[in-house]
PDB file of all heavy atoms in Angstrom:
ATOM      1  N   TYR A   1      15.846  -4.098   6.616  1.00  0.00           N
ATOM      2  CA  TYR A   1      15.181  -4.499   7.851  1.00  0.00           C
ATOM      3  C   TYR A   1      14.074  -5.530   7.617  1.00  0.00           C
ATOM      4  O   TYR A   1      13.693  -6.252   8.524  1.00  0.00           O
ATOM      5  CB  TYR A   1      14.555  -3.262   8.505  1.00  0.00           C
ATOM      6  CG  TYR A   1      15.529  -2.350   9.192  1.00  0.00           C
ATOM      7  CD1 TYR A   1      15.290  -0.998   9.291  1.00  0.00           C
ATOM      8  CD2 TYR A   1      16.680  -2.853   9.773  1.00  0.00           C
ATOM      9  CE1 TYR A   1      16.159  -0.145   9.928  1.00  0.00           C
ATOM     10  CE2 TYR A   1      17.590  -2.018  10.402  1.00  0.00           C
ATOM     11  CZ  TYR A   1      17.326  -0.663  10.478  1.00  0.00           C
ATOM     12  OH  TYR A   1      18.196   0.166  11.105  1.00  0.00           O
ATOM     13  N   ASN A   2      13.527  -5.533   6.418  1.00  0.00           N
ATOM     14  CA  ASN A   2      12.418  -6.469   6.103  1.00  0.00           C
ATOM     15  C   ASN A   2      11.237  -6.235   7.054  1.00  0.00           C
ATOM     16  O   ASN A   2      10.649  -7.183   7.580  1.00  0.00           O
ATOM     17  CB  ASN A   2      12.871  -7.918   6.178  1.00  0.00           C
ATOM     18  CG  ASN A   2      11.860  -8.872   5.556  1.00  0.00           C
ATOM     19  OD1 ASN A   2      11.118  -8.498   4.632  1.00  0.00           O
ATOM     20  ND2 ASN A   2      11.786 -10.068   6.078  1.00  0.00           N
ATOM     21  N   ILE A   3      10.933  -4.952   7.289  1.00  0.00           N
ATOM     22  CA  ILE A   3       9.761  -4.584   8.089  1.00  0.00           C
ATOM     23  C   ILE A   3       8.821  -3.760   7.264  1.00  0.00           C
ATOM     24  O   ILE A   3       9.198  -3.154   6.254  1.00  0.00           O
ATOM     25  CB  ILE A   3      10.155  -3.809   9.366  1.00  0.00           C
ATOM     26  CG1 ILE A   3      10.859  -2.499   8.992  1.00  0.00           C
ATOM     27  CG2 ILE A   3      11.034  -4.639  10.291  1.00  0.00           C
ATOM     28  CD1 ILE A   3      11.107  -1.573  10.161  1.00  0.00           C
ATOM     29  N   THR A   4       7.569  -3.759   7.678  1.00  0.00           N
ATOM     30  CA  THR A   4       6.606  -2.867   7.099  1.00  0.00           C
ATOM     31  C   THR A   4       6.350  -1.722   8.083  1.00  0.00           C
ATOM     32  O   THR A   4       6.625  -1.851   9.264  1.00  0.00           O
ATOM     33  CB  THR A   4       5.271  -3.583   6.815  1.00  0.00           C
ATOM     34  OG1 THR A   4       4.769  -4.177   8.024  1.00  0.00           O
ATOM     35  CG2 THR A   4       5.467  -4.670   5.764  1.00  0.00           C
ATOM     36  N   TRP A   5       5.861  -0.600   7.580  1.00  0.00           N
ATOM     37  CA  TRP A   5       5.569   0.528   8.467  1.00  0.00           C
ATOM     38  C   TRP A   5       4.363   1.307   7.966  1.00  0.00           C
ATOM     39  O   TRP A   5       3.990   1.257   6.798  1.00  0.00           O
ATOM     40  CB  TRP A   5       6.793   1.429   8.629  1.00  0.00           C
ATOM     41  CG  TRP A   5       7.324   2.113   7.389  1.00  0.00           C
ATOM     42  CD1 TRP A   5       8.204   1.619   6.489  1.00  0.00           C
ATOM     43  CD2 TRP A   5       6.997   3.435   6.948  1.00  0.00           C
ATOM     44  NE1 TRP A   5       8.468   2.536   5.498  1.00  0.00           N
ATOM     45  CE2 TRP A   5       7.746   3.668   5.754  1.00  0.00           C
ATOM     46  CE3 TRP A   5       6.179   4.447   7.430  1.00  0.00           C
ATOM     47  CZ2 TRP A   5       7.688   4.869   5.055  1.00  0.00           C
ATOM     48  CZ3 TRP A   5       6.107   5.665   6.724  1.00  0.00           C
ATOM     49  CH2 TRP A   5       6.845   5.871   5.557  1.00  0.00           C
ATOM     50  N   LYS A   6       3.752   1.983   8.936  1.00  0.00           N
ATOM     51  CA  LYS A   6       2.544   2.769   8.692  1.00  0.00           C
ATOM     52  C   LYS A   6       2.696   4.110   9.370  1.00  0.00           C
ATOM     53  O   LYS A   6       3.476   4.238  10.316  1.00  0.00           O
ATOM     54  CB  LYS A   6       1.325   2.028   9.250  1.00  0.00           C
ATOM     55  CG  LYS A   6       1.195   0.589   8.749  1.00  0.00           C
ATOM     56  CD  LYS A   6       0.045  -0.135   9.410  1.00  0.00           C
ATOM     57  CE  LYS A   6       0.005  -1.601   8.921  1.00  0.00           C
ATOM     58  NZ  LYS A   6      -1.157  -2.317   9.476  1.00  0.00           N
ATOM     59  N   ALA A   7       1.959   5.087   8.907  1.00  0.00           N
ATOM     60  CA  ALA A   7       2.008   6.415   9.502  1.00  0.00           C
ATOM     61  C   ALA A   7       0.598   6.893   9.776  1.00  0.00           C
ATOM     62  O   ALA A   7      -0.263   6.918   8.871  1.00  0.00           O
ATOM     63  CB  ALA A   7       2.740   7.397   8.592  1.00  0.00           C
ATOM     64  N   ALA A   8       0.338   7.247  11.011  1.00  0.00           N
ATOM     65  CA  ALA A   8      -0.966   7.780  11.401  1.00  0.00           C
ATOM     66  C   ALA A   8      -0.952   9.318  11.331  1.00  0.00           C
ATOM     67  O   ALA A   8       0.086   9.948  11.409  1.00  0.00           O
ATOM     68  CB  ALA A   8      -1.300   7.332  12.837  1.00  0.00           C
ATOM     69  N   THR A   9      -2.132   9.887  11.182  1.00  0.00           N
ATOM     70  CA  THR A   9      -2.342  11.347  11.176  1.00  0.00           C
ATOM     71  C   THR A   9      -1.369  12.073  10.263  1.00  0.00           C
ATOM     72  O   THR A   9      -0.700  13.016  10.644  1.00  0.00           O
ATOM     73  CB  THR A   9      -2.248  11.939  12.609  1.00  0.00           C
ATOM     74  OG1 THR A   9      -0.932  11.694  13.156  1.00  0.00           O
ATOM     75  CG2 THR A   9      -3.286  11.323  13.524  1.00  0.00           C
ATOM     76  N   VAL A  10      -1.305  11.621   8.994  1.00  0.00           N
ATOM     77  CA  VAL A  10      -0.423  12.241   8.017  1.00  0.00           C
ATOM     78  C   VAL A  10      -1.047  13.534   7.490  1.00  0.00           C
ATOM     79  O   VAL A  10      -2.241  13.597   7.183  1.00  0.00           O
ATOM     80  CB  VAL A  10      -0.161  11.271   6.860  1.00  0.00           C
ATOM     81  CG1 VAL A  10       0.523  11.966   5.694  1.00  0.00           C
ATOM     82  CG2 VAL A  10       0.681  10.109   7.344  1.00  0.00           C
ATOM     83  N   SER A  11      -0.231  14.582   7.382  1.00  0.00           N
ATOM     84  CA  SER A  11      -0.684  15.833   6.766  1.00  0.00           C
ATOM     85  C   SER A  11      -0.574  15.674   5.268  1.00  0.00           C
ATOM     86  O   SER A  11       0.537  15.556   4.713  1.00  0.00           O
ATOM     87  CB  SER A  11       0.177  17.002   7.258  1.00  0.00           C
ATOM     88  OG  SER A  11       1.558  16.669   7.238  1.00  0.00           O
ATOM     89  N   ALA A  12      -1.716  15.697   4.585  1.00  0.00           N
ATOM     90  CA  ALA A  12      -1.763  15.343   3.163  1.00  0.00           C
ATOM     91  C   ALA A  12      -0.965  16.307   2.286  1.00  0.00           C
ATOM     92  O   ALA A  12      -0.460  15.934   1.235  1.00  0.00           O
ATOM     93  CB  ALA A  12      -3.235  15.305   2.693  1.00  0.00           C
ATOM     94  N   TRP A  13      -0.851  17.584   2.716  1.00  0.00           N
ATOM     95  CA  TRP A  13      -0.153  18.561   1.865  1.00  0.00           C
ATOM     96  C   TRP A  13       1.359  18.309   1.798  1.00  0.00           C
ATOM     97  O   TRP A  13       2.045  18.952   1.021  1.00  0.00           O
ATOM     98  CB  TRP A  13      -0.453  19.981   2.354  1.00  0.00           C
ATOM     99  CG  TRP A  13      -0.124  20.248   3.787  1.00  0.00           C
ATOM    100  CD1 TRP A  13       1.044  20.665   4.336  1.00  0.00           C
ATOM    101  CD2 TRP A  13      -1.045  20.118   4.890  1.00  0.00           C
ATOM    102  NE1 TRP A  13       0.939  20.790   5.690  1.00  0.00           N
ATOM    103  CE2 TRP A  13      -0.342  20.464   6.063  1.00  0.00           C
ATOM    104  CE3 TRP A  13      -2.388  19.737   4.998  1.00  0.00           C
ATOM    105  CZ2 TRP A  13      -0.924  20.438   7.329  1.00  0.00           C
ATOM    106  CZ3 TRP A  13      -2.963  19.722   6.265  1.00  0.00           C
ATOM    107  CH2 TRP A  13      -2.244  20.071   7.399  1.00  0.00           C
ATOM    108  N   HIS A  14       1.862  17.382   2.604  1.00  0.00           N
ATOM    109  CA  HIS A  14       3.266  17.029   2.527  1.00  0.00           C
ATOM    110  C   HIS A  14       3.513  15.862   1.534  1.00  0.00           C
ATOM    111  O   HIS A  14       4.651  15.487   1.293  1.00  0.00           O
ATOM    112  CB  HIS A  14       3.819  16.640   3.893  1.00  0.00           C
ATOM    113  CG  HIS A  14       3.975  17.801   4.824  1.00  0.00           C
ATOM    114  ND1 HIS A  14       3.395  17.838   6.075  1.00  0.00           N
ATOM    115  CD2 HIS A  14       4.652  18.959   4.668  1.00  0.00           C
ATOM    116  CE1 HIS A  14       3.727  18.991   6.661  1.00  0.00           C
ATOM    117  NE2 HIS A  14       4.486  19.668   5.836  1.00  0.00           N
ATOM    118  N   LEU A  15       2.440  15.303   1.002  1.00  0.00           N
ATOM    119  CA  LEU A  15       2.569  14.141   0.137  1.00  0.00           C
ATOM    120  C   LEU A  15       2.630  14.544  -1.337  1.00  0.00           C
ATOM    121  O   LEU A  15       1.996  15.525  -1.737  1.00  0.00           O
ATOM    122  CB  LEU A  15       1.384  13.201   0.329  1.00  0.00           C
ATOM    123  CG  LEU A  15       1.263  12.475   1.664  1.00  0.00           C
ATOM    124  CD1 LEU A  15      -0.105  11.825   1.815  1.00  0.00           C
ATOM    125  CD2 LEU A  15       2.372  11.412   1.816  1.00  0.00           C
ATOM    126  N   ASP A  16       3.377  13.787  -2.115  1.00  0.00           N
ATOM    127  CA  ASP A  16       3.341  13.910  -3.567  1.00  0.00           C
ATOM    128  C   ASP A  16       3.607  12.532  -4.161  1.00  0.00           C
ATOM    129  O   ASP A  16       3.926  11.574  -3.430  1.00  0.00           O
ATOM    130  CB  ASP A  16       4.338  14.954  -4.090  1.00  0.00           C
ATOM    131  CG  ASP A  16       5.778  14.652  -3.669  1.00  0.00           C
ATOM    132  OD1 ASP A  16       6.185  13.474  -3.679  1.00  0.00           O
ATOM    133  OD2 ASP A  16       6.518  15.611  -3.321  1.00  0.00           O
ATOM    134  N   ASP A  17       3.481  12.419  -5.472  1.00  0.00           N
ATOM    135  CA  ASP A  17       3.607  11.104  -6.117  1.00  0.00           C
ATOM    136  C   ASP A  17       4.967  10.474  -5.874  1.00  0.00           C
ATOM    137  O   ASP A  17       5.073   9.278  -5.575  1.00  0.00           O
ATOM    138  CB  ASP A  17       3.365  11.240  -7.632  1.00  0.00           C
ATOM    139  CG  ASP A  17       1.907  11.482  -7.967  1.00  0.00           C
ATOM    140  OD1 ASP A  17       1.103  11.568  -7.029  1.00  0.00           O
ATOM    141  OD2 ASP A  17       1.591  11.612  -9.177  1.00  0.00           O
ATOM    142  N   ARG A  18       6.010  11.270  -6.010  1.00  0.00           N
ATOM    143  CA  ARG A  18       7.377  10.738  -5.843  1.00  0.00           C
ATOM    144  C   ARG A  18       7.588  10.233  -4.433  1.00  0.00           C
ATOM    145  O   ARG A  18       8.141   9.129  -4.234  1.00  0.00           O
ATOM    146  CB  ARG A  18       8.383  11.850  -6.156  1.00  0.00           C
ATOM    147  CG  ARG A  18       9.856  11.453  -5.961  1.00  0.00           C
ATOM    148  CD  ARG A  18      10.239  10.302  -6.846  1.00  0.00           C
ATOM    149  NE  ARG A  18      11.676  10.012  -6.724  1.00  0.00           N
ATOM    150  CZ  ARG A  18      12.236   8.883  -7.106  1.00  0.00           C
ATOM    151  NH1 ARG A  18      11.487   7.925  -7.633  1.00  0.00           N
ATOM    152  NH2 ARG A  18      13.526   8.688  -6.976  1.00  0.00           N
ATOM    153  N   LEU A  19       7.144  10.994  -3.409  1.00  0.00           N
ATOM    154  CA  LEU A  19       7.316  10.560  -2.023  1.00  0.00           C
ATOM    155  C   LEU A  19       6.561   9.272  -1.763  1.00  0.00           C
ATOM    156  O   LEU A  19       7.094   8.356  -1.093  1.00  0.00           O
ATOM    157  CB  LEU A  19       6.859  11.655  -1.061  1.00  0.00           C
ATOM    158  CG  LEU A  19       6.982  11.328   0.419  1.00  0.00           C
ATOM    159  CD1 LEU A  19       8.412  10.965   0.792  1.00  0.00           C
ATOM    160  CD2 LEU A  19       6.478  12.487   1.284  1.00  0.00           C
ATOM    161  N   LEU A  20       5.362   9.149  -2.248  1.00  0.00           N
ATOM    162  CA  LEU A  20       4.574   7.921  -2.041  1.00  0.00           C
ATOM    163  C   LEU A  20       5.266   6.731  -2.668  1.00  0.00           C
ATOM    164  O   LEU A  20       5.283   5.626  -2.095  1.00  0.00           O
ATOM    165  CB  LEU A  20       3.168   8.093  -2.603  1.00  0.00           C
ATOM    166  CG  LEU A  20       2.238   9.010  -1.783  1.00  0.00           C
ATOM    167  CD1 LEU A  20       0.982   9.336  -2.573  1.00  0.00           C
ATOM    168  CD2 LEU A  20       1.853   8.337  -0.461  1.00  0.00           C
ATOM    169  N   GLU A  21       5.862   6.915  -3.847  1.00  0.00           N
ATOM    170  CA  GLU A  21       6.578   5.806  -4.482  1.00  0.00           C
ATOM    171  C   GLU A  21       7.778   5.379  -3.643  1.00  0.00           C
ATOM    172  O   GLU A  21       8.064   4.188  -3.490  1.00  0.00           O
ATOM    173  CB  GLU A  21       7.028   6.248  -5.882  1.00  0.00           C
ATOM    174  CG  GLU A  21       5.878   6.406  -6.875  1.00  0.00           C
ATOM    175  CD  GLU A  21       6.323   7.071  -8.168  1.00  0.00           C
ATOM    176  OE1 GLU A  21       7.520   7.452  -8.245  1.00  0.00           O
ATOM    177  OE2 GLU A  21       5.480   7.244  -9.076  1.00  0.00           O
ATOM    178  N   LEU A  22       8.508   6.354  -3.120  1.00  0.00           N
ATOM    179  CA  LEU A  22       9.661   6.056  -2.285  1.00  0.00           C
ATOM    180  C   LEU A  22       9.257   5.413  -0.974  1.00  0.00           C
ATOM    181  O   LEU A  22       9.939   4.502  -0.470  1.00  0.00           O
ATOM    182  CB  LEU A  22      10.477   7.324  -2.035  1.00  0.00           C
ATOM    183  CG  LEU A  22      11.156   7.946  -3.251  1.00  0.00           C
ATOM    184  CD1 LEU A  22      11.741   9.310  -2.897  1.00  0.00           C
ATOM    185  CD2 LEU A  22      12.234   7.023  -3.809  1.00  0.00           C
ATOM    186  N   MET A  23       8.156   5.867  -0.412  1.00  0.00           N
ATOM    187  CA  MET A  23       7.670   5.298   0.849  1.00  0.00           C
ATOM    188  C   MET A  23       7.340   3.837   0.709  1.00  0.00           C
ATOM    189  O   MET A  23       7.689   3.002   1.548  1.00  0.00           O
ATOM    190  CB  MET A  23       6.442   6.088   1.342  1.00  0.00           C
ATOM    191  CG  MET A  23       6.802   7.470   1.902  1.00  0.00           C
ATOM    192  SD  MET A  23       5.359   8.554   2.144  1.00  0.00           S
ATOM    193  CE  MET A  23       4.357   7.622   3.295  1.00  0.00           C
ATOM    194  N   VAL A  24       6.649   3.467  -0.381  1.00  0.00           N
ATOM    195  CA  VAL A  24       6.241   2.063  -0.533  1.00  0.00           C
ATOM    196  C   VAL A  24       7.466   1.177  -0.764  1.00  0.00           C
ATOM    197  O   VAL A  24       7.500   0.012  -0.323  1.00  0.00           O
ATOM    198  CB  VAL A  24       5.203   1.936  -1.669  1.00  0.00           C
ATOM    199  CG1 VAL A  24       5.825   2.015  -3.044  1.00  0.00           C
ATOM    200  CG2 VAL A  24       4.445   0.622  -1.534  1.00  0.00           C
ATOM    201  N   ARG A  25       8.477   1.696  -1.414  1.00  0.00           N
ATOM    202  CA  ARG A  25       9.718   0.902  -1.634  1.00  0.00           C
ATOM    203  C   ARG A  25      10.430   0.614  -0.317  1.00  0.00           C
ATOM    204  O   ARG A  25      11.136  -0.400  -0.209  1.00  0.00           O
ATOM    205  CB  ARG A  25      10.654   1.666  -2.561  1.00  0.00           C
ATOM    206  CG  ARG A  25      10.208   1.724  -4.000  1.00  0.00           C
ATOM    207  CD  ARG A  25      11.185   2.506  -4.843  1.00  0.00           C
ATOM    208  NE  ARG A  25      10.622   2.901  -6.128  1.00  0.00           N
ATOM    209  CZ  ARG A  25      11.205   3.719  -6.971  1.00  0.00           C
ATOM    210  NH1 ARG A  25      12.401   4.235  -6.670  1.00  0.00           N
ATOM    211  NH2 ARG A  25      10.623   4.048  -8.101  1.00  0.00           N
ATOM    212  N   SER A  26      10.258   1.501   0.659  1.00  0.00           N
ATOM    213  CA  SER A  26      10.922   1.285   1.954  1.00  0.00           C
ATOM    214  C   SER A  26      10.089   0.499   2.941  1.00  0.00           C
ATOM    215  O   SER A  26      10.477   0.315   4.091  1.00  0.00           O
ATOM    216  CB  SER A  26      11.321   2.642   2.579  1.00  0.00           C
ATOM    217  OG  SER A  26      10.170   3.382   2.912  1.00  0.00           O
ATOM    218  N   GLY A  27       8.898   0.032   2.501  1.00  0.00           N
ATOM    219  CA  GLY A  27       8.094  -0.827   3.358  1.00  0.00           C
ATOM    220  C   GLY A  27       6.801  -0.217   3.843  1.00  0.00           C
ATOM    221  O   GLY A  27       6.081  -0.873   4.607  1.00  0.00           O
ATOM    222  N   CYS A  28       6.487   0.982   3.422  1.00  0.00           N
ATOM    223  CA  CYS A  28       5.226   1.626   3.858  1.00  0.00           C
ATOM    224  C   CYS A  28       4.032   0.872   3.249  1.00  0.00           C
ATOM    225  O   CYS A  28       3.955   0.688   2.027  1.00  0.00           O
ATOM    226  CB  CYS A  28       5.173   3.089   3.467  1.00  0.00           C
ATOM    227  SG  CYS A  28       3.642   3.926   3.977  1.00  0.00           S
ATOM    228  N   THR A  29       3.114   0.449   4.078  1.00  0.00           N
ATOM    229  CA  THR A  29       1.918  -0.271   3.612  1.00  0.00           C
ATOM    230  C   THR A  29       0.634   0.493   3.871  1.00  0.00           C
ATOM    231  O   THR A  29      -0.404   0.131   3.330  1.00  0.00           O
ATOM    232  CB  THR A  29       1.798  -1.645   4.282  1.00  0.00           C
ATOM    233  OG1 THR A  29       1.712  -1.447   5.710  1.00  0.00           O
ATOM    234  CG2 THR A  29       3.022  -2.520   3.965  1.00  0.00           C
ATOM    235  N   GLN A  30       0.705   1.568   4.674  1.00  0.00           N
ATOM    236  CA  GLN A  30      -0.539   2.218   5.061  1.00  0.00           C
ATOM    237  C   GLN A  30      -0.287   3.618   5.596  1.00  0.00           C
ATOM    238  O   GLN A  30       0.692   3.847   6.320  1.00  0.00           O
ATOM    239  CB  GLN A  30      -1.246   1.388   6.142  1.00  0.00           C
ATOM    240  CG  GLN A  30      -2.564   1.939   6.614  1.00  0.00           C
ATOM    241  CD  GLN A  30      -3.016   1.237   7.884  1.00  0.00           C
ATOM    242  OE1 GLN A  30      -2.962   1.760   8.978  1.00  0.00           O
ATOM    243  NE2 GLN A  30      -3.445  -0.020   7.729  1.00  0.00           N
ATOM    244  N   ILE A  31      -1.164   4.561   5.248  1.00  0.00           N
ATOM    245  CA  ILE A  31      -1.144   5.887   5.849  1.00  0.00           C
ATOM    246  C   ILE A  31      -2.574   6.277   6.217  1.00  0.00           C
ATOM    247  O   ILE A  31      -3.532   5.741   5.656  1.00  0.00           O
ATOM    248  CB  ILE A  31      -0.552   6.964   4.924  1.00  0.00           C
ATOM    249  CG1 ILE A  31      -1.378   7.070   3.626  1.00  0.00           C
ATOM    250  CG2 ILE A  31       0.911   6.697   4.615  1.00  0.00           C
ATOM    251  CD1 ILE A  31      -0.959   8.211   2.718  1.00  0.00           C
ATOM    252  N   THR A  32      -2.714   7.155   7.186  1.00  0.00           N
ATOM    253  CA  THR A  32      -4.020   7.709   7.510  1.00  0.00           C
ATOM    254  C   THR A  32      -3.885   9.237   7.439  1.00  0.00           C
ATOM    255  O   THR A  32      -3.055   9.826   8.158  1.00  0.00           O
ATOM    256  CB  THR A  32      -4.453   7.314   8.929  1.00  0.00           C
ATOM    257  OG1 THR A  32      -4.477   5.884   9.009  1.00  0.00           O
ATOM    258  CG2 THR A  32      -5.851   7.835   9.215  1.00  0.00           C
ATOM    259  N   VAL A  33      -4.645   9.834   6.543  1.00  0.00           N
ATOM    260  CA  VAL A  33      -4.566  11.288   6.359  1.00  0.00           C
ATOM    261  C   VAL A  33      -5.629  11.982   7.190  1.00  0.00           C
ATOM    262  O   VAL A  33      -6.718  11.440   7.404  1.00  0.00           O
ATOM    263  CB  VAL A  33      -4.679  11.684   4.869  1.00  0.00           C
ATOM    264  CG1 VAL A  33      -3.476  11.226   4.061  1.00  0.00           C
ATOM    265  CG2 VAL A  33      -5.962  11.125   4.266  1.00  0.00           C
TER     266      VAL A  33
END
């Protein structure tokens, strides 16, 4: 898609290192916890 994406109001306990790496590869540029 060649788009960037962001997620607001993220629940931090659902995050881990592997997920963050995969998120950035798919275009994630920003989260707000």
